[in-house]
Amino acid sequence: MIPDAVAAIIAAAIRDHATNTPEEQGRRAVRELRDAGWTIAAPDVIAAALRAA
């Protein structure tokens, strides 16, 4: 399940950049999530970090 805060940021990125391609909207959403303090990582990066802990 996507937390409400994340869903709101993604929805705003899509709404505010409706004429962009889906890839551009996705990149915008990731930038805005990072700016809001979220960490975006690939599953293999997360798994490696957990194994190292």
PDB file of N, CA and C in Angstrom:
ATOM      1  N   MET A   1       0.843  -1.175   0.000  1.00  0.00           N
ATOM      2  CA  MET A   1       0.000   0.000   0.000  1.00  0.00           C
ATOM      3  C   MET A   1       0.892   1.245   0.000  1.00  0.00           C
ATOM      4  N   ILE A   2       0.526   2.231  -0.793  1.00  0.00           N
ATOM      5  CA  ILE A   2       1.286   3.477  -0.878  1.00  0.00           C
ATOM      6  C   ILE A   2       0.784   4.435   0.199  1.00  0.00           C
ATOM      7  N   PRO A   3       1.687   4.956   1.043  1.00  0.00           N
ATOM      8  CA  PRO A   3       1.260   5.933   2.045  1.00  0.00           C
ATOM      9  C   PRO A   3       0.592   7.141   1.374  1.00  0.00           C
ATOM     10  N   ASP A   4      -0.375   7.727   2.049  1.00  0.00           N
ATOM     11  CA  ASP A   4      -1.108   8.872   1.499  1.00  0.00           C
ATOM     12  C   ASP A   4      -0.185  10.008   1.065  1.00  0.00           C
ATOM     13  N   ALA A   5       0.863  10.267   1.840  1.00  0.00           N
ATOM     14  CA  ALA A   5       1.779  11.363   1.500  1.00  0.00           C
ATOM     15  C   ALA A   5       2.487  11.093   0.175  1.00  0.00           C
ATOM     16  N   VAL A   6       2.875   9.850  -0.058  1.00  0.00           N
ATOM     17  CA  VAL A   6       3.543   9.492  -1.305  1.00  0.00           C
ATOM     18  C   VAL A   6       2.566   9.597  -2.465  1.00  0.00           C
ATOM     19  N   ALA A   7       1.366   9.074  -2.274  1.00  0.00           N
ATOM     20  CA  ALA A   7       0.343   9.143  -3.323  1.00  0.00           C
ATOM     21  C   ALA A   7       0.043  10.583  -3.700  1.00  0.00           C
ATOM     22  N   ALA A   8      -0.008  11.465  -2.727  1.00  0.00           N
ATOM     23  CA  ALA A   8      -0.294  12.879  -2.999  1.00  0.00           C
ATOM     24  C   ALA A   8       0.822  13.521  -3.826  1.00  0.00           C
ATOM     25  N   ILE A   9       2.063  13.199  -3.514  1.00  0.00           N
ATOM     26  CA  ILE A   9       3.191  13.766  -4.264  1.00  0.00           C
ATOM     27  C   ILE A   9       3.188  13.248  -5.699  1.00  0.00           C
ATOM     28  N   ILE A  10       2.954  11.947  -5.872  1.00  0.00           N
ATOM     29  CA  ILE A  10       2.910  11.375  -7.217  1.00  0.00           C
ATOM     30  C   ILE A  10       1.758  11.977  -8.018  1.00  0.00           C
ATOM     31  N   ALA A  11       0.586  12.074  -7.405  1.00  0.00           N
ATOM     32  CA  ALA A  11      -0.573  12.653  -8.099  1.00  0.00           C
ATOM     33  C   ALA A  11      -0.312  14.093  -8.510  1.00  0.00           C
ATOM     34  N   ALA A  12       0.317  14.869  -7.646  1.00  0.00           N
ATOM     35  CA  ALA A  12       0.618  16.265  -7.972  1.00  0.00           C
ATOM     36  C   ALA A  12       1.612  16.359  -9.117  1.00  0.00           C
ATOM     37  N   ALA A  13       2.615  15.480  -9.133  1.00  0.00           N
ATOM     38  CA  ALA A  13       3.611  15.496 -10.211  1.00  0.00           C
ATOM     39  C   ALA A  13       2.952  15.192 -11.548  1.00  0.00           C
ATOM     40  N   ILE A  14       2.022  14.258 -11.540  1.00  0.00           N
ATOM     41  CA  ILE A  14       1.313  13.916 -12.776  1.00  0.00           C
ATOM     42  C   ILE A  14       0.383  15.055 -13.184  1.00  0.00           C
ATOM     43  N   ARG A  15      -0.366  15.577 -12.234  1.00  0.00           N
ATOM     44  CA  ARG A  15      -1.323  16.647 -12.519  1.00  0.00           C
ATOM     45  C   ARG A  15      -0.618  17.914 -12.998  1.00  0.00           C
ATOM     46  N   ASP A  16       0.466  18.284 -12.324  1.00  0.00           N
ATOM     47  CA  ASP A  16       1.157  19.532 -12.636  1.00  0.00           C
ATOM     48  C   ASP A  16       1.985  19.457 -13.913  1.00  0.00           C
ATOM     49  N   HIS A  17       2.238  18.245 -14.388  1.00  0.00           N
ATOM     50  CA  HIS A  17       3.055  18.058 -15.590  1.00  0.00           C
ATOM     51  C   HIS A  17       2.342  17.100 -16.544  1.00  0.00           C
ATOM     52  N   ALA A  18       1.063  17.361 -16.747  1.00  0.00           N
ATOM     53  CA  ALA A  18       0.210  16.452 -17.518  1.00  0.00           C
ATOM     54  C   ALA A  18       0.646  16.285 -18.966  1.00  0.00           C
ATOM     55  N   THR A  19       1.335  17.267 -19.530  1.00  0.00           N
ATOM     56  CA  THR A  19       1.743  17.163 -20.925  1.00  0.00           C
ATOM     57  C   THR A  19       3.079  16.445 -21.095  1.00  0.00           C
ATOM     58  N   ASN A  20       3.742  16.145 -19.995  1.00  0.00           N
ATOM     59  CA  ASN A  20       5.011  15.410 -20.067  1.00  0.00           C
ATOM     60  C   ASN A  20       4.746  13.943 -20.381  1.00  0.00           C
ATOM     61  N   THR A  21       5.788  13.256 -20.834  1.00  0.00           N
ATOM     62  CA  THR A  21       5.671  11.820 -21.060  1.00  0.00           C
ATOM     63  C   THR A  21       5.570  11.119 -19.702  1.00  0.00           C
ATOM     64  N   PRO A  22       5.076   9.884 -19.677  1.00  0.00           N
ATOM     65  CA  PRO A  22       5.044   9.145 -18.407  1.00  0.00           C
ATOM     66  C   PRO A  22       6.421   9.046 -17.751  1.00  0.00           C
ATOM     67  N   GLU A  23       7.483   8.875 -18.559  1.00  0.00           N
ATOM     68  CA  GLU A  23       8.833   8.805 -17.990  1.00  0.00           C
ATOM     69  C   GLU A  23       9.205  10.120 -17.310  1.00  0.00           C
ATOM     70  N   GLU A  24       8.916  11.234 -17.957  1.00  0.00           N
ATOM     71  CA  GLU A  24       9.211  12.547 -17.371  1.00  0.00           C
ATOM     72  C   GLU A  24       8.401  12.761 -16.098  1.00  0.00           C
ATOM     73  N   GLN A  25       7.148  12.345 -16.106  1.00  0.00           N
ATOM     74  CA  GLN A  25       6.318  12.472 -14.904  1.00  0.00           C
ATOM     75  C   GLN A  25       6.896  11.624 -13.773  1.00  0.00           C
ATOM     76  N   GLY A  26       7.346  10.420 -14.095  1.00  0.00           N
ATOM     77  CA  GLY A  26       7.943   9.551 -13.083  1.00  0.00           C
ATOM     78  C   GLY A  26       9.202  10.141 -12.485  1.00  0.00           C
ATOM     79  N   ARG A  27      10.056  10.685 -13.360  1.00  0.00           N
ATOM     80  CA  ARG A  27      11.294  11.313 -12.870  1.00  0.00           C
ATOM     81  C   ARG A  27      10.970  12.520 -11.993  1.00  0.00           C
ATOM     82  N   ARG A  28       9.976  13.297 -12.386  1.00  0.00           N
ATOM     83  CA  ARG A  28       9.550  14.454 -11.595  1.00  0.00           C
ATOM     84  C   ARG A  28       9.044  13.984 -10.233  1.00  0.00           C
ATOM     85  N   ALA A  29       8.247  12.933 -10.223  1.00  0.00           N
ATOM     86  CA  ALA A  29       7.714  12.414  -8.960  1.00  0.00           C
ATOM     87  C   ALA A  29       8.849  11.957  -8.043  1.00  0.00           C
ATOM     88  N   VAL A  30       9.845  11.263  -8.604  1.00  0.00           N
ATOM     89  CA  VAL A  30      10.983  10.813  -7.792  1.00  0.00           C
ATOM     90  C   VAL A  30      11.729  12.009  -7.223  1.00  0.00           C
ATOM     91  N   ARG A  31      11.976  13.031  -8.050  1.00  0.00           N
ATOM     92  CA  ARG A  31      12.658  14.245  -7.547  1.00  0.00           C
ATOM     93  C   ARG A  31      11.870  14.874  -6.399  1.00  0.00           C
ATOM     94  N   GLU A  32      10.559  14.977  -6.578  1.00  0.00           N
ATOM     95  CA  GLU A  32       9.739  15.609  -5.540  1.00  0.00           C
ATOM     96  C   GLU A  32       9.681  14.757  -4.274  1.00  0.00           C
ATOM     97  N   LEU A  33       9.661  13.438  -4.429  1.00  0.00           N
ATOM     98  CA  LEU A  33       9.704  12.569  -3.245  1.00  0.00           C
ATOM     99  C   LEU A  33      11.032  12.731  -2.509  1.00  0.00           C
ATOM    100  N   ARG A  34      12.126  12.780  -3.249  1.00  0.00           N
ATOM    101  CA  ARG A  34      13.439  12.984  -2.615  1.00  0.00           C
ATOM    102  C   ARG A  34      13.495  14.333  -1.915  1.00  0.00           C
ATOM    103  N   ASP A  35      12.967  15.369  -2.572  1.00  0.00           N
ATOM    104  CA  ASP A  35      12.953  16.706  -1.960  1.00  0.00           C
ATOM    105  C   ASP A  35      12.143  16.713  -0.664  1.00  0.00           C
ATOM    106  N   ALA A  36      11.140  15.823  -0.581  1.00  0.00           N
ATOM    107  CA  ALA A  36      10.307  15.727   0.620  1.00  0.00           C
ATOM    108  C   ALA A  36      10.946  14.838   1.687  1.00  0.00           C
ATOM    109  N   GLY A  37      12.142  14.295   1.389  1.00  0.00           N
ATOM    110  CA  GLY A  37      12.853  13.501   2.391  1.00  0.00           C
ATOM    111  C   GLY A  37      12.730  11.998   2.227  1.00  0.00           C
ATOM    112  N   TRP A  38      12.016  11.522   1.209  1.00  0.00           N
ATOM    113  CA  TRP A  38      11.892  10.090   0.973  1.00  0.00           C
ATOM    114  C   TRP A  38      13.167   9.573   0.340  1.00  0.00           C
ATOM    115  N   THR A  39      13.519   8.330   0.638  1.00  0.00           N
ATOM    116  CA  THR A  39      14.665   7.671   0.025  1.00  0.00           C
ATOM    117  C   THR A  39      14.138   6.687  -1.005  1.00  0.00           C
ATOM    118  N   ILE A  40      14.659   6.805  -2.221  1.00  0.00           N
ATOM    119  CA  ILE A  40      14.260   5.923  -3.304  1.00  0.00           C
ATOM    120  C   ILE A  40      15.443   4.998  -3.572  1.00  0.00           C
ATOM    121  N   ALA A  41      15.228   3.685  -3.485  1.00  0.00           N
ATOM    122  CA  ALA A  41      16.314   2.725  -3.708  1.00  0.00           C
ATOM    123  C   ALA A  41      15.769   1.490  -4.404  1.00  0.00           C
ATOM    124  N   ALA A  42      16.601   0.895  -5.219  1.00  0.00           N
ATOM    125  CA  ALA A  42      16.250  -0.350  -5.891  1.00  0.00           C
ATOM    126  C   ALA A  42      16.213  -1.474  -4.858  1.00  0.00           C
ATOM    127  N   PRO A  43      15.383  -2.490  -5.081  1.00  0.00           N
ATOM    128  CA  PRO A  43      15.276  -3.585  -4.112  1.00  0.00           C
ATOM    129  C   PRO A  43      16.612  -4.258  -3.798  1.00  0.00           C
ATOM    130  N   ASP A  44      17.497  -4.411  -4.787  1.00  0.00           N
ATOM    131  CA  ASP A  44      18.784  -5.052  -4.515  1.00  0.00           C
ATOM    132  C   ASP A  44      19.658  -4.190  -3.611  1.00  0.00           C
ATOM    133  N   VAL A  45      19.538  -2.883  -3.701  1.00  0.00           N
ATOM    134  CA  VAL A  45      20.279  -1.984  -2.823  1.00  0.00           C
ATOM    135  C   VAL A  45      19.777  -2.110  -1.391  1.00  0.00           C
ATOM    136  N   ILE A  46      18.479  -2.189  -1.231  1.00  0.00           N
ATOM    137  CA  ILE A  46      17.883  -2.352   0.103  1.00  0.00           C
ATOM    138  C   ILE A  46      18.305  -3.692   0.700  1.00  0.00           C
ATOM    139  N   ALA A  47      18.251  -4.764  -0.089  1.00  0.00           N
ATOM    140  CA  ALA A  47      18.629  -6.089   0.401  1.00  0.00           C
ATOM    141  C   ALA A  47      20.089  -6.108   0.833  1.00  0.00           C
ATOM    142  N   ALA A  48      20.965  -5.480   0.041  1.00  0.00           N
ATOM    143  CA  ALA A  48      22.380  -5.434   0.401  1.00  0.00           C
ATOM    144  C   ALA A  48      22.601  -4.683   1.706  1.00  0.00           C
ATOM    145  N   ALA A  49      21.895  -3.584   1.879  1.00  0.00           N
ATOM    146  CA  ALA A  49      22.023  -2.798   3.106  1.00  0.00           C
ATOM    147  C   ALA A  49      21.545  -3.595   4.318  1.00  0.00           C
ATOM    148  N   LEU A  50      20.472  -4.344   4.165  1.00  0.00           N
ATOM    149  CA  LEU A  50      19.965  -5.159   5.274  1.00  0.00           C
ATOM    150  C   LEU A  50      20.924  -6.287   5.617  1.00  0.00           C
ATOM    151  N   ARG A  51      21.531  -6.898   4.599  1.00  0.00           N
ATOM    152  CA  ARG A  51      22.507  -7.963   4.862  1.00  0.00           C
ATOM    153  C   ARG A  51      23.741  -7.427   5.583  1.00  0.00           C
ATOM    154  N   ALA A  52      24.148  -6.203   5.264  1.00  0.00           N
ATOM    155  CA  ALA A  52      25.337  -5.605   5.861  1.00  0.00           C
ATOM    156  C   ALA A  52      25.098  -5.151   7.281  1.00  0.00           C
ATOM    157  N   ALA A  53      23.846  -4.963   7.662  1.00  0.00           N
ATOM    158  CA  ALA A  53      23.525  -4.438   9.002  1.00  0.00           C
ATOM    159  C   ALA A  53      23.698  -5.479  10.081  1.00  0.00           C
TER     160      ALA A  53
END
